[in-house]
Amino acid sequence: MTSASPLGRALCAMITPFDASGALDPEGAGRLAVRLVDEGCDGLVLSGTTGESPTTSDAEKARLIRAVREAVGDRASIVAGVGSADTAHAKELARQAEQAGADGLLLLTPYYSKPPQDAIEEHFRTVADTTGLPVLLYDIPGRTGTRIEPETMLRLAEHPRIVGVKDCAYDLLGTQKVLARTELAYYTGCEEFILPLYAVGGAGYISTVANVVPAELRAILDAFDAGDTAGATLLQRLALPLMELMMADGLPGAVTAKALLGALGLPAGPVRAPLRAADEGRTARLVMAYGATNSARPANPARPAFEDEAAGR
């Protein structure tokens, strides 16, 4: 395993569409997944925090995987979030995801109980041993309360099925230490680090913002791979206002992504309590930032604009 992960480079942390009553909308999930893949996503991460995993049932998680697999076939990898504070429950979610057709697993650090590093390591190894699927570890101490320390990550890299990391630790130095000593595929989960992490050997990104501008984020990686570092830098900067409004302006990404997708007439639906929908003012600002991101896009992009069909509805 190298940074050229078989799970892809440009991964979307996909929302979970609900219908007007708040029930799972598998048909809408399939339509959204197809659009995201058509626009440049080569992987879809289901039932992460953006997918409202804390408020979806195990049965809904399995149904979502099946619906998205049926819609996209083998055109994109499907990574299933199987995070739980309960190791036994995480094992069951992992088995269920494998049976439903997932290609990989996203495994969260146990939250709230704040276990020590040796217990975190044992949790990850135990769940990784449950299936034959590759595992990405999700390091987001701001939500879980506990960091996966670099030394722990180095030991976990020895496991044959632990192949990568979704990195939201905001420690680029620690990340580079692990990159230098392992073959783990590092994906940033923080959009402002898409280009910085990729430039030092990261594998790509797992992005909430990709729900609405998948082509624009993919273009950052494509420009860098083509040797156009100035162009990649420009594309990263052009996307920053939307990134900030969606991810760092006080509302969870699931809320802002659903507000913007809904405004564009695309599958989204309501969020589930305790989350609340964005108000009209916030939604209007999101639409404005989205429009600015698209209008500033360079001519002849590698991928078509995400909003073309919705704009003509």
C-alpha atoms as a PDB file:
ATOM      1  CA  MET A   1       0.000   0.000   0.000  1.00  0.00           C
ATOM      2  CA  THR A   2       1.284   3.430  -0.947  1.00  0.00           C
ATOM      3  CA  SER A   3      -0.233   6.891  -1.094  1.00  0.00           C
ATOM      4  CA  ALA A   4      -1.765   5.812  -4.423  1.00  0.00           C
ATOM      5  CA  SER A   5      -4.510   4.063  -2.492  1.00  0.00           C
ATOM      6  CA  PRO A   6      -6.893   1.664  -4.246  1.00  0.00           C
ATOM      7  CA  LEU A   7      -9.680   3.558  -2.471  1.00  0.00           C
ATOM      8  CA  GLY A   8      -8.954   6.572  -4.687  1.00  0.00           C
ATOM      9  CA  ARG A   9      -7.655  10.124  -4.268  1.00  0.00           C
ATOM     10  CA  ALA A  10     -10.779  12.313  -4.398  1.00  0.00           C
ATOM     11  CA  LEU A  11     -13.270  10.971  -1.852  1.00  0.00           C
ATOM     12  CA  CYS A  12     -16.505  12.618  -0.791  1.00  0.00           C
ATOM     13  CA  ALA A  13     -17.802  12.325   2.761  1.00  0.00           C
ATOM     14  CA  MET A  14     -21.320  11.960   1.405  1.00  0.00           C
ATOM     15  CA  ILE A  15     -24.436  13.183   3.136  1.00  0.00           C
ATOM     16  CA  THR A  16     -27.245  10.712   3.772  1.00  0.00           C
ATOM     17  CA  PRO A  17     -30.322  11.942   1.878  1.00  0.00           C
ATOM     18  CA  PHE A  18     -33.644  11.772   3.700  1.00  0.00           C
ATOM     19  CA  ASP A  19     -37.128  12.304   2.326  1.00  0.00           C
ATOM     20  CA  ALA A  20     -39.439  15.072   3.537  1.00  0.00           C
ATOM     21  CA  SER A  21     -40.578  12.938   6.466  1.00  0.00           C
ATOM     22  CA  GLY A  22     -37.004  12.319   7.585  1.00  0.00           C
ATOM     23  CA  ALA A  23     -36.824   8.704   6.401  1.00  0.00           C
ATOM     24  CA  LEU A  24     -33.858   7.340   4.476  1.00  0.00           C
ATOM     25  CA  ASP A  25     -34.072   8.158   0.758  1.00  0.00           C
ATOM     26  CA  PRO A  26     -32.131   5.367  -0.982  1.00  0.00           C
ATOM     27  CA  GLU A  27     -33.195   6.491  -4.460  1.00  0.00           C
ATOM     28  CA  GLY A  28     -31.968  10.006  -3.747  1.00  0.00           C
ATOM     29  CA  ALA A  29     -28.725   8.598  -2.338  1.00  0.00           C
ATOM     30  CA  GLY A  30     -28.187   6.701  -5.562  1.00  0.00           C
ATOM     31  CA  ARG A  31     -28.819   9.793  -7.710  1.00  0.00           C
ATOM     32  CA  LEU A  32     -26.484  11.933  -5.629  1.00  0.00           C
ATOM     33  CA  ALA A  33     -23.785   9.243  -5.684  1.00  0.00           C
ATOM     34  CA  VAL A  34     -23.933   8.988  -9.476  1.00  0.00           C
ATOM     35  CA  ARG A  35     -23.631  12.752  -9.828  1.00  0.00           C
ATOM     36  CA  LEU A  36     -20.641  12.867  -7.480  1.00  0.00           C
ATOM     37  CA  VAL A  37     -18.858  10.113  -9.386  1.00  0.00           C
ATOM     38  CA  ASP A  38     -19.661  11.750 -12.723  1.00  0.00           C
ATOM     39  CA  GLU A  39     -18.119  14.969 -11.371  1.00  0.00           C
ATOM     40  CA  GLY A  40     -14.796  13.449 -10.352  1.00  0.00           C
ATOM     41  CA  CYS A  41     -15.168  11.585  -7.047  1.00  0.00           C
ATOM     42  CA  ASP A  42     -13.452   8.215  -7.206  1.00  0.00           C
ATOM     43  CA  GLY A  43     -14.570   7.226  -3.742  1.00  0.00           C
ATOM     44  CA  LEU A  44     -17.610   7.784  -1.514  1.00  0.00           C
ATOM     45  CA  VAL A  45     -17.488   7.593   2.264  1.00  0.00           C
ATOM     46  CA  LEU A  46     -20.885   6.679   3.686  1.00  0.00           C
ATOM     47  CA  SER A  47     -22.179   6.969   7.245  1.00  0.00           C
ATOM     48  CA  GLY A  48     -19.494   9.272   8.532  1.00  0.00           C
ATOM     49  CA  THR A  49     -20.333  12.300  10.641  1.00  0.00           C
ATOM     50  CA  THR A  50     -21.413  14.169   7.493  1.00  0.00           C
ATOM     51  CA  GLY A  51     -23.674  11.202   6.778  1.00  0.00           C
ATOM     52  CA  GLU A  52     -25.316  11.692  10.206  1.00  0.00           C
ATOM     53  CA  SER A  53     -24.162   8.310  11.439  1.00  0.00           C
ATOM     54  CA  PRO A  54     -25.061   9.063  15.079  1.00  0.00           C
ATOM     55  CA  THR A  55     -28.759   9.238  14.130  1.00  0.00           C
ATOM     56  CA  THR A  56     -29.046   6.495  11.502  1.00  0.00           C
ATOM     57  CA  SER A  57     -29.791   2.917  12.449  1.00  0.00           C
ATOM     58  CA  ASP A  58     -27.597  -0.065  11.605  1.00  0.00           C
ATOM     59  CA  ALA A  59     -30.243  -1.234   9.138  1.00  0.00           C
ATOM     60  CA  GLU A  60     -30.269   2.173   7.425  1.00  0.00           C
ATOM     61  CA  LYS A  61     -26.485   2.120   7.143  1.00  0.00           C
ATOM     62  CA  ALA A  62     -26.582  -1.253   5.384  1.00  0.00           C
ATOM     63  CA  ARG A  63     -29.403  -0.171   3.081  1.00  0.00           C
ATOM     64  CA  LEU A  64     -27.481   2.970   2.154  1.00  0.00           C
ATOM     65  CA  ILE A  65     -24.413   0.954   1.118  1.00  0.00           C
ATOM     66  CA  ARG A  66     -26.535  -1.338  -1.044  1.00  0.00           C
ATOM     67  CA  ALA A  67     -28.321   1.583  -2.716  1.00  0.00           C
ATOM     68  CA  VAL A  68     -25.101   3.423  -3.539  1.00  0.00           C
ATOM     69  CA  ARG A  69     -23.386   0.246  -4.754  1.00  0.00           C
ATOM     70  CA  GLU A  70     -26.283  -0.478  -7.062  1.00  0.00           C
ATOM     71  CA  ALA A  71     -26.150   3.082  -8.407  1.00  0.00           C
ATOM     72  CA  VAL A  72     -22.418   3.462  -9.049  1.00  0.00           C
ATOM     73  CA  GLY A  73     -21.361  -0.134  -9.585  1.00  0.00           C
ATOM     74  CA  ASP A  74     -17.595  -0.417  -9.652  1.00  0.00           C
ATOM     75  CA  ARG A  75     -16.975   3.146 -10.869  1.00  0.00           C
ATOM     76  CA  ALA A  76     -16.031   4.293  -7.371  1.00  0.00           C
ATOM     77  CA  SER A  77     -14.935   2.792  -4.102  1.00  0.00           C
ATOM     78  CA  ILE A  78     -17.392   2.728  -1.220  1.00  0.00           C
ATOM     79  CA  VAL A  79     -15.956   3.228   2.257  1.00  0.00           C
ATOM     80  CA  ALA A  80     -18.335   2.617   5.137  1.00  0.00           C
ATOM     81  CA  GLY A  81     -18.091   4.437   8.436  1.00  0.00           C
ATOM     82  CA  VAL A  82     -18.153   1.889  11.237  1.00  0.00           C
ATOM     83  CA  GLY A  83     -17.197   4.097  14.154  1.00  0.00           C
ATOM     84  CA  SER A  84     -18.532   3.306  17.594  1.00  0.00           C
ATOM     85  CA  ALA A  85     -17.485   3.839  21.189  1.00  0.00           C
ATOM     86  CA  ASP A  86     -18.308   0.140  21.662  1.00  0.00           C
ATOM     87  CA  THR A  87     -15.758  -2.257  20.146  1.00  0.00           C
ATOM     88  CA  ALA A  88     -18.312  -5.064  19.810  1.00  0.00           C
ATOM     89  CA  HIS A  89     -20.699  -2.751  17.974  1.00  0.00           C
ATOM     90  CA  ALA A  90     -17.930  -1.537  15.649  1.00  0.00           C
ATOM     91  CA  LYS A  91     -17.146  -5.172  14.810  1.00  0.00           C
ATOM     92  CA  GLU A  92     -20.782  -5.824  13.959  1.00  0.00           C
ATOM     93  CA  LEU A  93     -20.943  -2.701  11.775  1.00  0.00           C
ATOM     94  CA  ALA A  94     -17.784  -3.835   9.978  1.00  0.00           C
ATOM     95  CA  ARG A  95     -19.250  -7.259   9.217  1.00  0.00           C
ATOM     96  CA  GLN A  96     -22.498  -5.676   8.049  1.00  0.00           C
ATOM     97  CA  ALA A  97     -20.661  -3.249   5.755  1.00  0.00           C
ATOM     98  CA  GLU A  98     -18.660  -6.029   4.156  1.00  0.00           C
ATOM     99  CA  GLN A  99     -21.806  -8.062   3.520  1.00  0.00           C
ATOM    100  CA  ALA A 100     -23.591  -5.028   2.036  1.00  0.00           C
ATOM    101  CA  GLY A 101     -20.842  -4.450  -0.529  1.00  0.00           C
ATOM    102  CA  ALA A 102     -18.415  -1.889   0.922  1.00  0.00           C
ATOM    103  CA  ASP A 103     -14.843  -1.789  -0.386  1.00  0.00           C
ATOM    104  CA  GLY A 104     -13.317  -0.391   2.780  1.00  0.00           C
ATOM    105  CA  LEU A 105     -14.000   0.763   6.325  1.00  0.00           C
ATOM    106  CA  LEU A 106     -13.539   4.092   8.110  1.00  0.00           C
ATOM    107  CA  LEU A 107     -12.882   3.382  11.775  1.00  0.00           C
ATOM    108  CA  LEU A 108     -13.228   6.174  14.318  1.00  0.00           C
ATOM    109  CA  THR A 109     -11.316   6.489  17.573  1.00  0.00           C
ATOM    110  CA  PRO A 110     -13.665   5.468  20.421  1.00  0.00           C
ATOM    111  CA  TYR A 111     -15.268   8.632  21.663  1.00  0.00           C
ATOM    112  CA  TYR A 112     -16.320  10.029  25.043  1.00  0.00           C
ATOM    113  CA  SER A 113     -14.714   7.284  27.141  1.00  0.00           C
ATOM    114  CA  LYS A 114     -11.245   8.593  26.135  1.00  0.00           C
ATOM    115  CA  PRO A 115      -9.350   5.280  26.326  1.00  0.00           C
ATOM    116  CA  PRO A 116      -5.539   5.288  26.655  1.00  0.00           C
ATOM    117  CA  GLN A 117      -3.352   4.675  23.616  1.00  0.00           C
ATOM    118  CA  ASP A 118      -2.880   0.951  24.167  1.00  0.00           C
ATOM    119  CA  ALA A 119      -6.651   0.483  24.395  1.00  0.00           C
ATOM    120  CA  ILE A 120      -7.176   2.537  21.226  1.00  0.00           C
ATOM    121  CA  GLU A 121      -4.616   0.367  19.450  1.00  0.00           C
ATOM    122  CA  GLU A 122      -6.334  -2.813  20.605  1.00  0.00           C
ATOM    123  CA  HIS A 123      -9.731  -1.459  19.499  1.00  0.00           C
ATOM    124  CA  PHE A 124      -8.454  -0.761  15.988  1.00  0.00           C
ATOM    125  CA  ARG A 125      -6.673  -4.096  15.654  1.00  0.00           C
ATOM    126  CA  THR A 126      -9.707  -6.010  16.897  1.00  0.00           C
ATOM    127  CA  VAL A 127     -12.077  -4.392  14.410  1.00  0.00           C
ATOM    128  CA  ALA A 128      -9.560  -4.621  11.548  1.00  0.00           C
ATOM    129  CA  ASP A 129      -9.309  -8.367  12.197  1.00  0.00           C
ATOM    130  CA  THR A 130     -13.077  -8.768  11.829  1.00  0.00           C
ATOM    131  CA  THR A 131     -13.271  -8.546   8.005  1.00  0.00           C
ATOM    132  CA  GLY A 132     -11.058  -8.798   4.962  1.00  0.00           C
ATOM    133  CA  LEU A 133     -11.604  -5.139   4.037  1.00  0.00           C
ATOM    134  CA  PRO A 134      -8.958  -2.407   4.091  1.00  0.00           C
ATOM    135  CA  VAL A 135      -9.338   0.033   6.977  1.00  0.00           C
ATOM    136  CA  LEU A 136      -8.827   3.787   7.193  1.00  0.00           C
ATOM    137  CA  LEU A 137      -8.342   5.135  10.709  1.00  0.00           C
ATOM    138  CA  TYR A 138     -10.143   8.392  11.481  1.00  0.00           C
ATOM    139  CA  ASP A 139      -8.079  10.702  13.682  1.00  0.00           C
ATOM    140  CA  ILE A 140     -10.293  13.607  14.796  1.00  0.00           C
ATOM    141  CA  PRO A 141      -9.556  14.436  18.435  1.00  0.00           C
ATOM    142  CA  GLY A 142     -11.729  17.551  18.311  1.00  0.00           C
ATOM    143  CA  ARG A 143     -14.785  15.276  18.188  1.00  0.00           C
ATOM    144  CA  THR A 144     -13.617  12.107  19.939  1.00  0.00           C
ATOM    145  CA  GLY A 145     -11.594  13.747  22.692  1.00  0.00           C
ATOM    146  CA  THR A 146      -8.583  11.490  22.041  1.00  0.00           C
ATOM    147  CA  ARG A 147      -5.738  11.709  19.536  1.00  0.00           C
ATOM    148  CA  ILE A 148      -4.195   8.719  17.791  1.00  0.00           C
ATOM    149  CA  GLU A 149      -0.628   9.572  18.746  1.00  0.00           C
ATOM    150  CA  PRO A 150       2.028   9.245  16.017  1.00  0.00           C
ATOM    151  CA  GLU A 151       3.791   6.399  17.849  1.00  0.00           C
ATOM    152  CA  THR A 152       0.488   4.516  18.040  1.00  0.00           C
ATOM    153  CA  MET A 153      -0.052   5.138  14.340  1.00  0.00           C
ATOM    154  CA  LEU A 154       3.387   3.721  13.545  1.00  0.00           C
ATOM    155  CA  ARG A 155       2.535   0.481  15.330  1.00  0.00           C
ATOM    156  CA  LEU A 156      -0.887   0.255  13.691  1.00  0.00           C
ATOM    157  CA  ALA A 157       0.699   0.700  10.248  1.00  0.00           C
ATOM    158  CA  GLU A 158       2.140  -2.784  10.672  1.00  0.00           C
ATOM    159  CA  HIS A 159      -1.348  -4.301  10.484  1.00  0.00           C
ATOM    160  CA  PRO A 160      -1.956  -5.730   6.989  1.00  0.00           C
ATOM    161  CA  ARG A 161      -5.452  -4.277   6.630  1.00  0.00           C
ATOM    162  CA  ILE A 162      -4.861  -0.839   8.189  1.00  0.00           C
ATOM    163  CA  VAL A 163      -3.937   1.008   5.014  1.00  0.00           C
ATOM    164  CA  GLY A 164      -4.609   4.677   5.626  1.00  0.00           C
ATOM    165  CA  VAL A 165      -5.819   7.572   7.741  1.00  0.00           C
ATOM    166  CA  LYS A 166      -8.434  10.279   7.503  1.00  0.00           C
ATOM    167  CA  ASP A 167      -6.478  13.051   9.157  1.00  0.00           C
ATOM    168  CA  CYS A 168      -8.276  15.777  11.103  1.00  0.00           C
ATOM    169  CA  ALA A 169      -5.683  16.119  13.867  1.00  0.00           C
ATOM    170  CA  TYR A 170      -4.359  19.508  12.690  1.00  0.00           C
ATOM    171  CA  ASP A 171      -0.780  18.350  13.278  1.00  0.00           C
ATOM    172  CA  LEU A 172       1.039  18.482   9.964  1.00  0.00           C
ATOM    173  CA  LEU A 173       4.371  17.818  11.675  1.00  0.00           C
ATOM    174  CA  GLY A 174       3.107  14.628  13.304  1.00  0.00           C
ATOM    175  CA  THR A 175       1.472  13.555  10.056  1.00  0.00           C
ATOM    176  CA  GLN A 176       4.728  14.001   8.144  1.00  0.00           C
ATOM    177  CA  LYS A 177       6.593  11.923  10.723  1.00  0.00           C
ATOM    178  CA  VAL A 178       4.215   9.033  10.090  1.00  0.00           C
ATOM    179  CA  LEU A 179       4.299   9.525   6.317  1.00  0.00           C
ATOM    180  CA  ALA A 180       8.095   9.374   6.375  1.00  0.00           C
ATOM    181  CA  ARG A 181       8.163   6.034   8.211  1.00  0.00           C
ATOM    182  CA  THR A 182       5.142   4.146   6.843  1.00  0.00           C
ATOM    183  CA  GLU A 183       3.229   3.483   3.651  1.00  0.00           C
ATOM    184  CA  LEU A 184      -0.090   4.630   5.125  1.00  0.00           C
ATOM    185  CA  ALA A 185      -2.288   6.542   2.675  1.00  0.00           C
ATOM    186  CA  TYR A 186      -3.060   9.861   4.373  1.00  0.00           C
ATOM    187  CA  TYR A 187      -6.268  11.669   3.408  1.00  0.00           C
ATOM    188  CA  THR A 188      -7.003  15.087   4.786  1.00  0.00           C
ATOM    189  CA  GLY A 189     -10.456  15.513   6.224  1.00  0.00           C
ATOM    190  CA  CYS A 190      -9.872  19.274   6.497  1.00  0.00           C
ATOM    191  CA  GLU A 191     -10.365  21.013   3.170  1.00  0.00           C
ATOM    192  CA  GLU A 192      -7.880  23.784   3.918  1.00  0.00           C
ATOM    193  CA  PHE A 193      -5.183  21.073   3.958  1.00  0.00           C
ATOM    194  CA  ILE A 194      -6.037  19.492   0.598  1.00  0.00           C
ATOM    195  CA  LEU A 195      -3.047  20.967  -1.221  1.00  0.00           C
ATOM    196  CA  PRO A 196      -0.609  21.205   1.730  1.00  0.00           C
ATOM    197  CA  LEU A 197      -0.990  17.526   2.683  1.00  0.00           C
ATOM    198  CA  TYR A 198      -0.997  16.329  -0.932  1.00  0.00           C
ATOM    199  CA  ALA A 199       2.212  18.255  -1.579  1.00  0.00           C
ATOM    200  CA  VAL A 200       4.069  16.378   1.169  1.00  0.00           C
ATOM    201  CA  GLY A 201       2.920  12.922   0.098  1.00  0.00           C
ATOM    202  CA  GLY A 202      -0.715  12.663   1.113  1.00  0.00           C
ATOM    203  CA  ALA A 203      -3.090  10.410  -0.814  1.00  0.00           C
ATOM    204  CA  GLY A 204      -5.851  12.990  -1.340  1.00  0.00           C
ATOM    205  CA  TYR A 205      -8.901  14.023   0.623  1.00  0.00           C
ATOM    206  CA  ILE A 206     -12.151  12.864   2.200  1.00  0.00           C
ATOM    207  CA  SER A 207     -14.242  15.997   1.902  1.00  0.00           C
ATOM    208  CA  THR A 208     -17.654  17.221   2.998  1.00  0.00           C
ATOM    209  CA  VAL A 209     -17.361  20.219   0.653  1.00  0.00           C
ATOM    210  CA  ALA A 210     -17.036  17.737  -2.236  1.00  0.00           C
ATOM    211  CA  ASN A 211     -20.778  17.119  -1.899  1.00  0.00           C
ATOM    212  CA  VAL A 212     -21.299  20.427  -3.712  1.00  0.00           C
ATOM    213  CA  VAL A 213     -18.076  21.177  -5.641  1.00  0.00           C
ATOM    214  CA  PRO A 214     -16.527  17.801  -6.438  1.00  0.00           C
ATOM    215  CA  ALA A 215     -15.024  18.891  -9.757  1.00  0.00           C
ATOM    216  CA  GLU A 216     -13.428  21.991  -8.286  1.00  0.00           C
ATOM    217  CA  LEU A 217     -11.717  20.065  -5.490  1.00  0.00           C
ATOM    218  CA  ARG A 218     -10.594  17.284  -7.832  1.00  0.00           C
ATOM    219  CA  ALA A 219      -9.042  19.959 -10.057  1.00  0.00           C
ATOM    220  CA  ILE A 220      -6.627  20.900  -7.238  1.00  0.00           C
ATOM    221  CA  LEU A 221      -5.148  17.398  -7.248  1.00  0.00           C
ATOM    222  CA  ASP A 222      -5.149  17.159 -11.044  1.00  0.00           C
ATOM    223  CA  ALA A 223      -3.302  20.462 -11.412  1.00  0.00           C
ATOM    224  CA  PHE A 224      -0.659  19.418  -8.890  1.00  0.00           C
ATOM    225  CA  ASP A 225      -0.196  16.036 -10.587  1.00  0.00           C
ATOM    226  CA  ALA A 226       0.250  17.825 -13.916  1.00  0.00           C
ATOM    227  CA  GLY A 227       3.080  19.884 -12.425  1.00  0.00           C
ATOM    228  CA  ASP A 228       1.036  23.078 -12.328  1.00  0.00           C
ATOM    229  CA  THR A 229       1.705  23.995  -8.719  1.00  0.00           C
ATOM    230  CA  ALA A 230       0.726  27.633  -9.256  1.00  0.00           C
ATOM    231  CA  GLY A 231      -2.585  26.542 -10.739  1.00  0.00           C
ATOM    232  CA  ALA A 232      -3.193  24.122  -7.870  1.00  0.00           C
ATOM    233  CA  THR A 233      -2.496  26.919  -5.399  1.00  0.00           C
ATOM    234  CA  LEU A 234      -4.932  29.237  -7.177  1.00  0.00           C
ATOM    235  CA  LEU A 235      -7.672  26.583  -7.187  1.00  0.00           C
ATOM    236  CA  GLN A 236      -7.159  25.927  -3.477  1.00  0.00           C
ATOM    237  CA  ARG A 237      -7.435  29.627  -2.718  1.00  0.00           C
ATOM    238  CA  LEU A 238     -10.521  30.101  -4.882  1.00  0.00           C
ATOM    239  CA  ALA A 239     -12.339  27.411  -2.907  1.00  0.00           C
ATOM    240  CA  LEU A 240     -11.383  28.747   0.532  1.00  0.00           C
ATOM    241  CA  PRO A 241     -14.401  31.065   1.078  1.00  0.00           C
ATOM    242  CA  LEU A 242     -16.845  28.225   0.450  1.00  0.00           C
ATOM    243  CA  MET A 243     -14.756  25.857   2.562  1.00  0.00           C
ATOM    244  CA  GLU A 244     -14.806  28.306   5.451  1.00  0.00           C
ATOM    245  CA  LEU A 245     -18.526  28.979   5.247  1.00  0.00           C
ATOM    246  CA  MET A 246     -19.369  25.279   5.073  1.00  0.00           C
ATOM    247  CA  MET A 247     -16.914  23.962   7.646  1.00  0.00           C
ATOM    248  CA  ALA A 248     -15.762  26.724   9.986  1.00  0.00           C
ATOM    249  CA  ASP A 249     -18.631  29.133  10.459  1.00  0.00           C
ATOM    250  CA  GLY A 250     -20.463  27.555  13.361  1.00  0.00           C
ATOM    251  CA  LEU A 251     -22.641  24.875  11.758  1.00  0.00           C
ATOM    252  CA  PRO A 252     -21.808  21.197  11.206  1.00  0.00           C
ATOM    253  CA  GLY A 253     -20.907  20.204   7.664  1.00  0.00           C
ATOM    254  CA  ALA A 254     -23.951  17.961   7.362  1.00  0.00           C
ATOM    255  CA  VAL A 255     -26.170  20.995   7.908  1.00  0.00           C
ATOM    256  CA  THR A 256     -24.408  23.289   5.444  1.00  0.00           C
ATOM    257  CA  ALA A 257     -24.016  20.613   2.762  1.00  0.00           C
ATOM    258  CA  LYS A 258     -27.698  19.687   2.947  1.00  0.00           C
ATOM    259  CA  ALA A 259     -28.754  23.333   2.872  1.00  0.00           C
ATOM    260  CA  LEU A 260     -26.737  23.995  -0.259  1.00  0.00           C
ATOM    261  CA  LEU A 261     -27.695  20.770  -2.026  1.00  0.00           C
ATOM    262  CA  GLY A 262     -31.343  21.460  -1.259  1.00  0.00           C
ATOM    263  CA  ALA A 263     -31.059  24.989  -2.651  1.00  0.00           C
ATOM    264  CA  LEU A 264     -29.654  23.492  -5.862  1.00  0.00           C
ATOM    265  CA  GLY A 265     -32.548  21.061  -6.141  1.00  0.00           C
ATOM    266  CA  LEU A 266     -30.377  18.012  -5.481  1.00  0.00           C
ATOM    267  CA  PRO A 267     -31.039  15.077  -3.121  1.00  0.00           C
ATOM    268  CA  ALA A 268     -30.557  16.063   0.507  1.00  0.00           C
ATOM    269  CA  GLY A 269     -33.650  16.444   2.653  1.00  0.00           C
ATOM    270  CA  PRO A 270     -33.735  17.494   6.299  1.00  0.00           C
ATOM    271  CA  VAL A 271     -31.187  16.802   8.999  1.00  0.00           C
ATOM    272  CA  ARG A 272     -32.148  14.730  12.010  1.00  0.00           C
ATOM    273  CA  ALA A 273     -32.344  16.092  15.525  1.00  0.00           C
ATOM    274  CA  PRO A 274     -30.437  17.249  17.449  1.00  0.00           C
ATOM    275  CA  LEU A 275     -29.136  18.970  14.316  1.00  0.00           C
ATOM    276  CA  ARG A 276     -31.267  21.786  12.937  1.00  0.00           C
ATOM    277  CA  ALA A 277     -31.542  23.113   9.414  1.00  0.00           C
ATOM    278  CA  ALA A 278     -29.628  26.213   8.344  1.00  0.00           C
ATOM    279  CA  ASP A 279     -31.768  29.352   8.372  1.00  0.00           C
ATOM    280  CA  GLU A 280     -32.588  31.316   5.224  1.00  0.00           C
ATOM    281  CA  GLY A 281     -29.825  33.850   5.777  1.00  0.00           C
ATOM    282  CA  ARG A 282     -27.127  31.215   6.168  1.00  0.00           C
ATOM    283  CA  THR A 283     -28.434  29.307   3.156  1.00  0.00           C
ATOM    284  CA  ALA A 284     -28.369  32.461   1.033  1.00  0.00           C
ATOM    285  CA  ARG A 285     -24.739  33.089   2.022  1.00  0.00           C
ATOM    286  CA  LEU A 286     -23.849  29.514   1.140  1.00  0.00           C
ATOM    287  CA  VAL A 287     -25.450  29.877  -2.289  1.00  0.00           C
ATOM    288  CA  MET A 288     -23.538  33.110  -2.883  1.00  0.00           C
ATOM    289  CA  ALA A 289     -20.213  31.534  -1.911  1.00  0.00           C
ATOM    290  CA  TYR A 290     -20.981  28.531  -4.085  1.00  0.00           C
ATOM    291  CA  GLY A 291     -21.733  30.776  -7.045  1.00  0.00           C
ATOM    292  CA  ALA A 292     -18.501  32.704  -6.531  1.00  0.00           C
ATOM    293  CA  THR A 293     -16.493  29.488  -6.414  1.00  0.00           C
ATOM    294  CA  ASN A 294     -17.996  28.357  -9.700  1.00  0.00           C
ATOM    295  CA  SER A 295     -17.749  31.729 -11.447  1.00  0.00           C
ATOM    296  CA  ALA A 296     -14.078  31.980 -10.519  1.00  0.00           C
ATOM    297  CA  ARG A 297     -13.308  28.523 -11.891  1.00  0.00           C
ATOM    298  CA  PRO A 298     -10.727  28.631 -14.703  1.00  0.00           C
ATOM    299  CA  ALA A 299     -11.968  28.158 -18.260  1.00  0.00           C
ATOM    300  CA  ASN A 300     -12.100  24.640 -19.690  1.00  0.00           C
ATOM    301  CA  PRO A 301     -11.957  22.741 -16.404  1.00  0.00           C
ATOM    302  CA  ALA A 302     -11.100  19.082 -16.409  1.00  0.00           C
ATOM    303  CA  ARG A 303     -14.583  18.262 -15.155  1.00  0.00           C
ATOM    304  CA  PRO A 304     -17.999  19.772 -15.967  1.00  0.00           C
ATOM    305  CA  ALA A 305     -19.574  22.171 -13.496  1.00  0.00           C
ATOM    306  CA  PHE A 306     -21.589  20.455 -10.783  1.00  0.00           C
ATOM    307  CA  GLU A 307     -24.508  22.850 -10.950  1.00  0.00           C
ATOM    308  CA  ASP A 308     -25.199  22.858 -14.695  1.00  0.00           C
ATOM    309  CA  GLU A 309     -28.210  20.538 -14.610  1.00  0.00           C
ATOM    310  CA  ALA A 310     -29.605  21.997 -11.397  1.00  0.00           C
ATOM    311  CA  ALA A 311     -29.259  25.538 -12.708  1.00  0.00           C
ATOM    312  CA  GLY A 312     -31.384  24.640 -15.707  1.00  0.00           C
ATOM    313  CA  ARG A 313     -34.109  22.861 -13.789  1.00  0.00           C
END
